[in-house]
Amino acid sequence: MKSVTHQKLPTQRNEREKLRDKGQFWTPAWVAEAMVAYVAQGADLIFDPGVGKGAFYTALKNVAPKNNFFGTDIDSEVIAEARQEGIFGENAELEVRDFILNPPKRHFKAIVANPPYIRHHRLSQEQKNQFRKVSLINLGYTIDGRAGLHIYFLIQALSLLDTGGRLAFIMPADTCEGVFSKKLWNWISKKFCIDGVVTFEHKATPFPGVDTNAIIFLIKNERPKGKVKWAKCLSPQNKGLFEFLKNDLVGKNYDDISIYERDLSEAVSTGLSRMPRADHDFEYTLADFARVMRGIATGANEFFFLTREKAKEIGIPDEFLLPAVGRTRDAEGVRLTKEALVKLEAQGRPTLLFFPNGSRWEDMPESVKNYIHEGEKLGFSKRALISTRQPWYKMEVREVPVFLFAYLGRRNARFIKNEAGIVPLTGFLCIYPRSDDGEYIKKLWAVLQHPDTISNLQLVGKSYGSGAIKVEPRSLERLPINGEMAHSLGLRPRRSAHPLFISV
């Protein structure tokens, strides 16, 4: 069978959504063979709990053809397709089963997988409840509900790893960057030996076109050790990766691979997806100078977020509207000005937030009442987030932030000075300096624009494909700040003088 360098992703949106629902992104041969080379040492059988179309079985035939193979998958159709294509041979035993809820009743010396990448918002509440039990049984406690299916695959697989056995999983970076990661890696690092971690440069990604950064975790069921080998693969189709894993992570001279030996405590503290840092203890973080909140979640942008033309057509007076921006691409550069807002309006972009807060129903104009009635007819009042509000059309409140943070998108994450006086939607974070003093704000702005500050975002953010990064509010407050620069500017921590909420 001819090996495929990369999985060809569908171009149609509905087909890509189906792919995301199943989380099936096939592992390219150059990566699969390296992973199999690592786990196959000292084992006569390789287990793949999410076998799919047999990428690791194909790799096994090339790397260790005498070894047997056992694979499971919940998708009977994909296994049937692989059988029809003649991928699996006589030494492959396959079962259709739910690996999380019905795992094999045995342990394995070698486990290799690219688990289904299904994020938490695609899981039902019933699934989440069942998965929490898996966490409770194995870890002794539950982990945050934002953990995706792939996290529970790793937990279940580690529970089936035999003494002295090896595991190689390729997973998204959120495995060690998500809000659940601290608990997860605290358990893993104390119970297992984290032997090695392999990351990839953007140009070397095994999954081009997929919005995630991949990481290979190499773990042994042995006594933990204080050091971990950490590598970055610099080019695709990398033969050095195969040699490095085949040689049991020994040595440093491999083509197009940067290799570091890190203290385990530093690696886990900094984040296994991130480059090693010697100076991971910082004098200041952003929380010393500012507070952070997410932007406004309307629950229905199509109803609450309006263009100037639409608001005029409906007849909503200006006192029921707030200037707002929703998309990061609508805030170009590092300053959002009133002129930029006018330009967006001319382009037909929504720039107004429907904000009926503070007005009694009997005092509202008929045009506003009619618009609210229309929203009820369309079912907006029954949406999950909106239905919790009393009345349903009452909007979340944010004071106008001095700074914005564009935290996820194809463009570089950046801080933005809010000169237009807008309130942002959830594409942004709101940053409120702990002082209203003009000089204080000027100094903080200089710090936020400093290259060190921007570079440190990778220490607190979740990384995605093509260099995109996502930083949650509490994570942004932990952003390390250059202490020397703060001192040189005379910028000192202060208690907050800026309210995050206003009463309406």
Protein backbone atom coordinates (compact mmCIF):
# COMPACT_ATOMS: atom_id res chain seq x y z
CA MET A 1 0.00 0.00 0.00
CA LYS A 2 1.29 3.45 -0.89
CA SER A 3 1.85 5.58 2.22
CA VAL A 4 0.22 8.98 2.38
CA THR A 5 2.31 11.88 3.62
CA HIS A 6 -0.66 13.71 5.17
CA GLN A 7 -4.38 13.11 5.51
CA LYS A 8 -6.32 15.01 2.86
CA LEU A 9 -8.85 17.13 4.71
CA PRO A 10 -12.29 17.82 3.20
CA THR A 11 -12.86 21.32 1.86
CA GLN A 12 -16.62 21.43 2.45
CA ARG A 13 -17.63 22.85 5.84
CA ASN A 14 -20.19 20.13 6.61
CA GLU A 15 -17.66 17.39 5.84
CA ARG A 16 -15.04 19.05 8.05
CA GLU A 17 -17.62 19.27 10.85
CA LYS A 18 -18.28 15.52 10.54
CA LEU A 19 -14.54 14.95 10.81
CA ARG A 20 -14.36 17.09 13.94
CA ASP A 21 -17.32 15.22 15.46
CA LYS A 22 -15.39 11.97 15.12
CA GLY A 23 -12.02 13.54 15.88
CA GLN A 24 -10.35 11.35 13.24
CA PHE A 25 -7.07 12.84 12.04
CA TRP A 26 -4.77 10.13 10.68
CA THR A 27 -1.12 9.98 11.72
CA PRO A 28 1.39 10.36 8.85
CA ALA A 29 3.79 7.45 8.31
CA TRP A 30 6.98 9.32 9.29
CA VAL A 31 5.51 10.05 12.73
CA ALA A 32 3.73 6.71 13.23
CA GLU A 33 6.88 4.71 12.47
CA ALA A 34 8.92 6.70 14.98
CA MET A 35 6.32 6.18 17.71
CA VAL A 36 6.09 2.45 17.01
CA ALA A 37 9.89 2.18 17.07
CA TYR A 38 9.84 3.55 20.61
CA VAL A 39 7.12 1.32 22.11
CA ALA A 40 8.06 -1.88 20.25
CA GLN A 41 11.29 -2.30 22.20
CA GLY A 42 10.89 -5.32 24.47
CA ALA A 43 7.29 -6.02 23.45
CA ASP A 44 5.83 -8.72 21.21
CA LEU A 45 2.39 -7.11 20.89
CA ILE A 46 1.41 -3.50 20.17
CA PHE A 47 -1.96 -2.15 21.31
CA ASP A 48 -3.70 0.79 19.60
CA PRO A 49 -6.91 1.81 21.43
CA GLY A 50 -8.08 4.06 18.58
CA VAL A 51 -6.96 2.05 15.59
CA GLY A 52 -8.90 3.89 12.87
CA LYS A 53 -7.56 2.97 9.43
CA GLY A 54 -4.46 1.35 10.84
CA ALA A 55 -1.72 3.98 10.57
CA PHE A 56 0.21 2.39 13.43
CA TYR A 57 -0.35 -1.14 12.13
CA THR A 58 1.08 -0.08 8.77
CA ALA A 59 4.01 1.44 10.64
CA LEU A 60 4.48 -1.77 12.62
CA LYS A 61 4.75 -3.81 9.40
CA ASN A 62 7.66 -1.59 8.37
CA VAL A 63 9.37 -1.27 11.74
CA ALA A 64 8.78 -4.58 13.56
CA PRO A 65 6.89 -6.95 11.22
CA LYS A 66 7.21 -9.95 13.55
CA ASN A 67 5.25 -8.24 16.33
CA ASN A 68 1.55 -8.87 16.81
CA PHE A 69 -1.04 -6.12 16.86
CA PHE A 70 -4.26 -5.54 18.77
CA GLY A 71 -6.51 -2.61 17.98
CA THR A 72 -9.87 -1.29 19.12
CA ASP A 73 -12.14 1.41 17.74
CA ILE A 74 -15.69 2.53 18.39
CA ASP A 75 -16.23 3.19 14.66
CA SER A 76 -17.12 -0.12 12.98
CA GLU A 77 -17.34 1.53 9.56
CA VAL A 78 -13.76 2.76 9.53
CA ILE A 79 -12.47 -0.67 10.56
CA ALA A 80 -14.55 -2.28 7.81
CA GLU A 81 -13.12 0.16 5.27
CA ALA A 82 -9.58 -0.63 6.38
CA ARG A 83 -10.23 -4.38 6.07
CA GLN A 84 -11.66 -3.92 2.58
CA GLU A 85 -8.57 -1.97 1.59
CA GLY A 86 -6.41 -4.87 2.79
CA ILE A 87 -4.59 -2.84 5.43
CA PHE A 88 -4.73 -5.41 8.24
CA GLY A 89 -2.98 -8.78 8.03
CA GLU A 90 -3.29 -12.04 9.94
CA ASN A 91 -1.24 -10.77 12.88
CA ALA A 92 -3.82 -8.05 13.61
CA GLU A 93 -6.62 -8.65 16.09
CA LEU A 94 -9.35 -6.01 15.96
CA GLU A 95 -12.35 -5.29 18.17
CA VAL A 96 -15.15 -2.76 17.92
CA ARG A 97 -15.51 -1.34 21.41
CA ASP A 98 -15.72 1.89 23.39
CA PHE A 99 -12.23 2.15 24.85
CA ILE A 100 -13.22 4.67 27.52
CA LEU A 101 -16.31 2.93 28.89
CA ASN A 102 -15.47 -0.67 27.97
CA PRO A 103 -11.67 -1.08 27.91
CA PRO A 104 -9.96 -4.45 27.41
CA LYS A 105 -9.60 -6.48 30.61
CA ARG A 106 -5.83 -6.84 30.32
CA HIS A 107 -2.60 -4.87 30.51
CA PHE A 108 -0.16 -4.12 27.70
CA LYS A 109 3.60 -3.68 27.40
CA ALA A 110 3.29 -1.34 24.42
CA ILE A 111 0.50 1.17 23.73
CA VAL A 112 0.54 3.60 20.84
CA ALA A 113 -2.22 5.95 19.72
CA ASN A 114 -3.44 9.10 18.10
CA PRO A 115 -6.62 9.36 20.20
CA PRO A 116 -9.75 10.99 18.78
CA TYR A 117 -9.45 14.75 19.13
CA ILE A 118 -12.94 15.66 20.26
CA ARG A 119 -13.11 18.84 22.32
CA HIS A 120 -15.36 19.17 25.35
CA HIS A 121 -18.10 21.23 23.67
CA ARG A 122 -18.78 18.33 21.29
CA LEU A 123 -19.37 15.92 24.18
CA SER A 124 -22.81 15.41 25.70
CA GLN A 125 -23.39 15.98 29.40
CA GLU A 126 -23.98 12.24 29.81
CA GLN A 127 -20.59 11.50 28.24
CA LYS A 128 -18.90 14.05 30.48
CA ASN A 129 -20.47 12.48 33.56
CA GLN A 130 -19.24 9.03 32.53
CA PHE A 131 -15.76 10.33 31.79
CA ARG A 132 -15.59 12.03 35.18
CA LYS A 133 -15.99 8.59 36.73
CA VAL A 134 -12.98 7.38 34.74
CA SER A 135 -10.97 10.26 36.16
CA LEU A 136 -12.21 9.63 39.70
CA ILE A 137 -11.37 5.91 39.55
CA ASN A 138 -7.85 6.40 38.18
CA LEU A 139 -6.71 9.74 39.59
CA GLY A 140 -8.74 9.76 42.77
CA TYR A 141 -10.35 13.04 41.76
CA THR A 142 -12.18 14.56 38.83
CA ILE A 143 -10.66 17.02 36.36
CA ASP A 144 -12.18 20.11 34.82
CA GLY A 145 -15.12 19.52 32.48
CA ARG A 146 -13.30 21.25 29.63
CA ALA A 147 -11.09 18.20 29.09
CA GLY A 148 -11.71 16.60 25.70
CA LEU A 149 -12.12 12.92 24.86
CA HIS A 150 -8.40 12.56 24.09
CA ILE A 151 -7.54 13.33 27.73
CA TYR A 152 -9.61 10.39 28.97
CA PHE A 153 -8.04 8.17 26.32
CA LEU A 154 -4.65 8.95 27.84
CA ILE A 155 -5.85 8.31 31.39
CA GLN A 156 -7.46 5.00 30.44
CA ALA A 157 -4.43 3.89 28.43
CA LEU A 158 -2.05 4.63 31.30
CA SER A 159 -4.25 2.54 33.59
CA LEU A 160 -3.71 -0.42 31.22
CA LEU A 161 0.04 0.06 30.82
CA ASP A 162 1.88 -2.95 32.25
CA THR A 163 4.80 -2.58 34.64
CA GLY A 164 7.84 -1.66 32.57
CA GLY A 165 5.60 -0.95 29.58
CA ARG A 166 5.87 1.96 27.16
CA LEU A 167 3.28 4.37 25.82
CA ALA A 168 3.53 6.79 22.89
CA PHE A 169 0.59 9.14 22.32
CA ILE A 170 0.41 11.99 19.83
CA MET A 171 -2.00 14.61 21.16
CA PRO A 172 -2.90 18.30 20.91
CA ALA A 173 -1.02 20.89 22.95
CA ASP A 174 -4.04 21.53 25.17
CA THR A 175 -3.16 18.24 26.88
CA CYS A 176 -0.62 20.21 28.91
CA GLU A 177 -2.05 23.72 28.52
CA GLY A 178 -5.72 23.37 29.46
CA VAL A 179 -7.22 24.32 32.81
CA PHE A 180 -7.28 20.61 33.70
CA SER A 181 -3.60 20.03 32.88
CA LYS A 182 -2.11 20.77 36.30
CA LYS A 183 -4.10 17.98 37.97
CA LEU A 184 -3.49 15.61 35.07
CA TRP A 185 0.29 16.01 34.94
CA ASN A 186 0.62 16.05 38.71
CA TRP A 187 -0.86 12.54 38.65
CA ILE A 188 1.17 11.33 35.68
CA SER A 189 4.51 12.72 36.92
CA LYS A 190 4.10 11.09 40.34
CA LYS A 191 2.92 7.67 39.14
CA PHE A 192 4.78 7.21 35.84
CA CYS A 193 8.10 8.03 34.22
CA ILE A 194 7.72 10.82 31.66
CA ASP A 195 10.54 9.67 29.41
CA GLY A 196 10.30 12.19 26.60
CA VAL A 197 8.24 14.84 24.83
CA VAL A 198 8.43 15.74 21.13
CA THR A 199 7.00 19.01 19.80
CA PHE A 200 6.91 20.33 16.23
CA GLU A 201 7.77 23.57 14.50
CA HIS A 202 4.77 24.96 12.59
CA LYS A 203 6.33 24.01 9.25
CA ALA A 204 6.91 20.47 10.53
CA THR A 205 3.38 19.84 11.82
CA PRO A 206 2.10 16.30 11.23
CA PHE A 207 -1.40 17.72 10.66
CA PRO A 208 -1.25 20.66 8.26
CA GLY A 209 -4.52 22.53 8.02
CA VAL A 210 -5.69 21.37 11.45
CA ASP A 211 -6.00 24.01 14.18
CA THR A 212 -3.84 22.31 16.76
CA ASN A 213 -0.21 21.87 17.67
CA ALA A 214 0.74 18.22 18.05
CA ILE A 215 2.90 16.75 20.80
CA ILE A 216 4.20 13.21 21.24
CA PHE A 217 4.26 11.99 24.85
CA LEU A 218 6.60 9.09 25.64
CA ILE A 219 5.79 7.52 29.00
CA LYS A 220 6.96 4.40 30.85
CA ASN A 221 5.28 2.57 33.70
CA GLU A 222 8.40 2.85 35.79
CA ARG A 223 9.53 4.80 38.79
CA PRO A 224 9.49 8.55 38.01
CA LYS A 225 12.81 10.25 37.33
CA GLY A 226 13.83 13.87 37.75
CA LYS A 227 14.82 14.51 34.13
CA VAL A 228 12.90 14.43 30.86
CA LYS A 229 14.11 14.56 27.25
CA TRP A 230 12.36 17.37 25.39
CA ALA A 231 12.70 17.71 21.62
CA LYS A 232 11.44 19.96 18.84
CA CYS A 233 11.14 18.54 15.34
CA LEU A 234 12.22 21.24 12.87
CA SER A 235 11.20 19.76 9.52
CA PRO A 236 8.56 17.35 8.14
CA GLN A 237 9.40 13.86 6.87
CA ASN A 238 12.13 13.90 9.48
CA LYS A 239 14.35 10.79 9.60
CA GLY A 240 16.01 12.14 12.71
CA LEU A 241 12.76 11.69 14.64
CA PHE A 242 12.71 7.98 13.84
CA GLU A 243 16.35 7.51 14.85
CA PHE A 244 15.90 9.47 18.08
CA LEU A 245 12.95 7.36 19.23
CA LYS A 246 14.43 4.11 17.96
CA ASN A 247 17.61 4.81 19.93
CA ASP A 248 15.61 5.17 23.13
CA LEU A 249 16.09 8.97 23.27
CA VAL A 250 19.84 8.56 23.70
CA GLY A 251 22.15 11.17 22.18
CA LYS A 252 21.61 14.65 20.78
CA ASN A 253 22.99 14.59 17.24
CA TYR A 254 19.99 13.96 15.01
CA ASP A 255 19.04 15.75 11.81
CA ASP A 256 16.62 18.67 12.23
CA ILE A 257 15.82 17.97 15.87
CA SER A 258 16.65 20.21 18.82
CA ILE A 259 17.00 18.17 22.01
CA TYR A 260 17.08 19.36 25.61
CA GLU A 261 17.38 17.55 28.92
CA ARG A 262 15.07 19.30 31.37
CA ASP A 263 14.32 19.05 35.04
CA LEU A 264 10.92 17.44 35.28
CA SER A 265 9.69 20.00 37.79
CA GLU A 266 10.67 22.87 35.47
CA ALA A 267 9.12 21.19 32.43
CA VAL A 268 5.80 20.54 34.15
CA SER A 269 5.75 24.00 35.72
CA THR A 270 6.58 25.80 32.47
CA GLY A 271 4.40 23.46 30.42
CA LEU A 272 5.51 20.42 28.43
CA SER A 273 4.45 22.07 25.18
CA ARG A 274 6.69 25.07 25.82
CA MET A 275 10.39 25.70 25.34
CA PRO A 276 12.54 25.24 28.47
CA ARG A 277 13.14 28.32 30.58
CA ALA A 278 15.69 28.81 33.32
CA ASP A 279 13.96 31.94 34.62
CA HIS A 280 10.45 30.68 35.24
CA ASP A 281 10.22 32.55 38.55
CA PHE A 282 9.17 36.12 37.78
CA GLU A 283 8.96 39.14 40.04
CA TYR A 284 5.74 40.44 38.51
CA THR A 285 2.76 39.22 36.56
CA LEU A 286 0.07 41.25 34.81
CA ALA A 287 -2.21 40.79 37.83
CA ASP A 288 0.10 43.11 39.77
CA PHE A 289 -0.83 45.96 37.43
CA ALA A 290 -4.24 45.13 35.95
CA ARG A 291 -7.30 42.93 36.14
CA VAL A 292 -8.69 40.92 33.26
CA MET A 293 -12.19 39.89 32.22
CA ARG A 294 -13.57 38.22 29.14
CA GLY A 295 -15.59 40.26 26.69
CA ILE A 296 -19.38 40.29 26.62
CA ALA A 297 -21.16 37.04 25.76
CA THR A 298 -24.43 38.11 24.16
CA GLY A 299 -25.84 34.62 23.68
CA ALA A 300 -27.17 35.69 20.26
CA ASN A 301 -24.99 38.06 18.28
CA GLU A 302 -27.50 38.03 15.43
CA PHE A 303 -30.03 39.70 17.74
CA PHE A 304 -27.93 41.87 20.05
CA PHE A 305 -25.01 42.90 17.79
CA LEU A 306 -26.23 45.27 15.10
CA THR A 307 -25.02 47.30 12.17
CA ARG A 308 -25.76 51.01 12.15
CA GLU A 309 -28.08 50.47 9.20
CA LYS A 310 -30.00 47.68 10.96
CA ALA A 311 -30.44 49.73 14.13
CA LYS A 312 -31.75 52.63 12.07
CA GLU A 313 -34.13 50.36 10.17
CA ILE A 314 -35.54 48.95 13.41
CA GLY A 315 -35.75 52.40 14.94
CA ILE A 316 -33.63 51.79 18.04
CA PRO A 317 -32.57 55.11 19.63
CA ASP A 318 -28.89 55.71 20.42
CA GLU A 319 -29.50 55.53 24.18
CA PHE A 320 -30.22 51.80 23.74
CA LEU A 321 -26.96 51.16 21.89
CA LEU A 322 -23.30 50.86 22.90
CA PRO A 323 -20.34 50.99 20.50
CA ALA A 324 -18.87 47.49 20.32
CA VAL A 325 -16.50 45.28 18.35
CA GLY A 326 -16.85 41.53 17.97
CA ARG A 327 -14.19 40.12 15.66
CA THR A 328 -10.46 40.41 16.20
CA ARG A 329 -10.02 41.13 12.49
CA ASP A 330 -12.15 44.26 12.97
CA ALA A 331 -9.49 45.70 15.28
CA GLU A 332 -6.42 46.16 13.10
CA GLY A 333 -3.09 47.11 14.62
CA VAL A 334 -2.49 48.03 18.25
CA ARG A 335 -4.88 50.99 18.47
CA LEU A 336 -8.63 50.94 17.95
CA THR A 337 -9.71 54.48 17.08
CA LYS A 338 -13.05 56.19 16.52
CA GLU A 339 -12.04 56.62 12.88
CA ALA A 340 -11.60 52.86 12.60
CA LEU A 341 -15.10 52.37 14.00
CA VAL A 342 -16.55 54.72 11.37
CA LYS A 343 -14.71 52.74 8.71
CA LEU A 344 -16.22 49.49 10.00
CA GLU A 345 -19.69 51.03 9.87
CA ALA A 346 -19.11 52.05 6.25
CA GLN A 347 -18.16 48.44 5.48
CA GLY A 348 -21.45 47.22 6.93
CA ARG A 349 -19.84 45.57 9.95
CA PRO A 350 -21.85 45.40 13.20
CA THR A 351 -20.56 47.99 15.67
CA LEU A 352 -23.52 48.48 18.02
CA LEU A 353 -24.59 46.41 21.02
CA PHE A 354 -28.30 46.43 21.84
CA PHE A 355 -28.29 47.44 25.50
CA PRO A 356 -31.79 47.97 26.98
CA ASN A 357 -30.51 47.71 30.59
CA GLY A 358 -31.76 50.35 33.01
CA SER A 359 -34.96 51.14 31.13
CA ARG A 360 -38.40 50.21 32.47
CA TRP A 361 -40.60 48.38 30.01
CA GLU A 362 -43.30 51.04 30.14
CA ASP A 363 -40.73 53.74 29.31
CA MET A 364 -39.32 51.98 26.25
CA PRO A 365 -40.20 53.25 22.75
CA GLU A 366 -42.58 51.03 20.77
CA SER A 367 -39.80 50.25 18.30
CA VAL A 368 -37.67 48.75 21.08
CA LYS A 369 -40.60 46.80 22.52
CA ASN A 370 -41.45 45.44 19.08
CA TYR A 371 -37.85 44.33 18.54
CA ILE A 372 -37.83 42.50 21.88
CA HIS A 373 -41.15 40.82 21.02
CA GLU A 374 -39.68 39.75 17.69
CA GLY A 375 -36.72 38.22 19.53
CA GLU A 376 -39.09 36.20 21.69
CA LYS A 377 -40.95 34.91 18.63
CA LEU A 378 -37.65 33.79 17.11
CA GLY A 379 -36.82 31.83 20.28
CA PHE A 380 -33.84 33.85 21.48
CA SER A 381 -35.28 34.05 25.00
CA LYS A 382 -35.05 30.25 25.31
CA ARG A 383 -31.36 29.93 24.49
CA ALA A 384 -29.25 28.47 27.29
CA LEU A 385 -27.25 31.54 28.26
CA ILE A 386 -30.00 34.07 27.60
CA SER A 387 -32.68 32.15 29.52
CA THR A 388 -30.74 32.66 32.77
CA ARG A 389 -31.15 36.44 32.56
CA GLN A 390 -34.02 38.38 34.08
CA PRO A 391 -35.40 39.78 31.88
CA TRP A 392 -33.98 37.71 29.05
CA TYR A 393 -32.95 40.75 26.99
CA LYS A 394 -30.82 42.22 29.79
CA MET A 395 -27.24 42.38 28.58
CA GLU A 396 -24.00 41.57 30.41
CA VAL A 397 -22.25 44.69 31.66
CA ARG A 398 -18.64 45.74 31.22
CA GLU A 399 -17.02 49.04 31.98
CA VAL A 400 -15.23 50.33 28.87
CA PRO A 401 -11.75 48.75 29.10
CA VAL A 402 -8.60 50.83 28.67
CA PHE A 403 -6.91 47.96 26.82
CA LEU A 404 -8.13 44.98 24.85
CA PHE A 405 -6.41 41.68 24.25
CA ALA A 406 -7.10 39.85 20.99
CA TYR A 407 -6.50 36.36 22.24
CA LEU A 408 -7.37 33.99 19.42
CA GLY A 409 -7.21 34.25 15.69
CA ARG A 410 -5.01 33.81 12.66
CA ARG A 411 -3.25 37.07 13.46
CA ASN A 412 -0.74 37.38 16.24
CA ALA A 413 -2.23 37.76 19.70
CA ARG A 414 -1.79 41.38 20.70
CA PHE A 415 -2.72 44.13 23.13
CA ILE A 416 -4.85 46.96 21.77
CA LYS A 417 -5.39 50.45 23.14
CA ASN A 418 -9.12 51.14 23.18
CA GLU A 419 -9.22 54.75 21.96
CA ALA A 420 -12.68 54.24 20.43
CA GLY A 421 -14.33 53.63 23.80
CA ILE A 422 -16.01 50.40 22.75
CA VAL A 423 -17.06 47.38 24.78
CA PRO A 424 -15.77 44.11 23.29
CA LEU A 425 -17.52 40.81 22.72
CA THR A 426 -15.92 37.47 23.52
CA GLY A 427 -13.29 37.68 20.78
CA PHE A 428 -11.39 39.92 23.18
CA LEU A 429 -10.39 40.16 26.81
CA CYS A 430 -10.87 43.40 28.76
CA ILE A 431 -7.85 44.77 30.63
CA TYR A 432 -8.44 47.24 33.46
CA PRO A 433 -5.33 48.94 34.91
CA ARG A 434 -5.26 49.10 38.70
CA SER A 435 -5.00 52.87 38.51
CA ASP A 436 -6.79 55.54 36.48
CA ASP A 437 -3.71 57.76 36.57
CA GLY A 438 -2.68 58.77 33.05
CA GLU A 439 1.04 58.25 33.66
CA TYR A 440 0.42 54.81 35.14
CA ILE A 441 -1.62 53.81 32.08
CA LYS A 442 1.07 55.17 29.75
CA LYS A 443 3.77 53.12 31.49
CA LEU A 444 1.65 49.97 31.51
CA TRP A 445 0.98 50.41 27.79
CA ALA A 446 4.73 50.55 27.16
CA VAL A 447 5.17 47.30 29.10
CA LEU A 448 2.35 45.57 27.22
CA GLN A 449 3.96 46.45 23.88
CA HIS A 450 7.40 45.20 24.92
CA PRO A 451 8.64 42.15 22.94
CA ASP A 452 9.34 40.26 26.18
CA THR A 453 5.70 40.63 27.21
CA ILE A 454 4.44 39.37 23.85
CA SER A 455 6.94 36.50 23.91
CA ASN A 456 5.80 35.46 27.39
CA LEU A 457 2.27 34.85 26.12
CA GLN A 458 3.41 31.38 25.07
CA LEU A 459 4.04 30.62 28.76
CA VAL A 460 0.39 31.11 29.72
CA GLY A 461 -1.57 30.48 26.52
CA LYS A 462 -2.97 27.45 24.74
CA SER A 463 -1.31 27.02 21.37
CA TYR A 464 -3.13 26.07 18.19
CA GLY A 465 -2.12 25.52 14.57
CA SER A 466 -0.52 28.25 12.43
CA GLY A 467 0.82 30.06 15.49
CA ALA A 468 -2.59 30.96 16.95
CA ILE A 469 -2.76 31.26 20.72
CA LYS A 470 -5.63 31.44 23.18
CA VAL A 471 -5.26 32.95 26.63
CA GLU A 472 -8.04 32.78 29.20
CA PRO A 473 -8.62 35.71 31.61
CA ARG A 474 -6.99 34.13 34.67
CA SER A 475 -4.10 32.87 32.55
CA LEU A 476 -3.50 36.36 31.16
CA GLU A 477 -3.32 37.69 34.71
CA ARG A 478 -0.44 35.24 35.23
CA LEU A 479 1.47 36.69 32.26
CA PRO A 480 5.09 37.32 33.36
CA ILE A 481 6.13 40.98 33.19
CA ASN A 482 9.71 42.15 32.64
CA GLY A 483 10.71 43.32 36.12
CA GLU A 484 13.67 45.39 34.97
CA MET A 485 11.50 47.32 32.54
CA ALA A 486 8.81 47.91 35.16
CA HIS A 487 11.43 49.25 37.55
CA SER A 488 13.04 51.47 34.91
CA LEU A 489 9.66 53.02 34.09
CA GLY A 490 8.73 53.43 37.72
CA LEU A 491 5.72 51.15 37.28
CA ARG A 492 4.70 49.66 40.60
CA PRO A 493 1.87 47.35 41.60
CA ARG A 494 -1.22 49.10 42.95
CA ARG A 495 -4.55 48.19 44.38
CA SER A 496 -7.36 48.40 41.88
CA ALA A 497 -9.12 51.72 41.53
CA HIS A 498 -11.09 50.60 38.49
CA PRO A 499 -14.45 48.80 38.90
CA LEU A 500 -15.06 45.76 36.74
CA PHE A 501 -18.83 46.03 36.94
CA ILE A 502 -21.19 48.97 36.88
CA SER A 503 -24.73 48.85 38.17
CA VAL A 504 -27.38 49.29 35.51
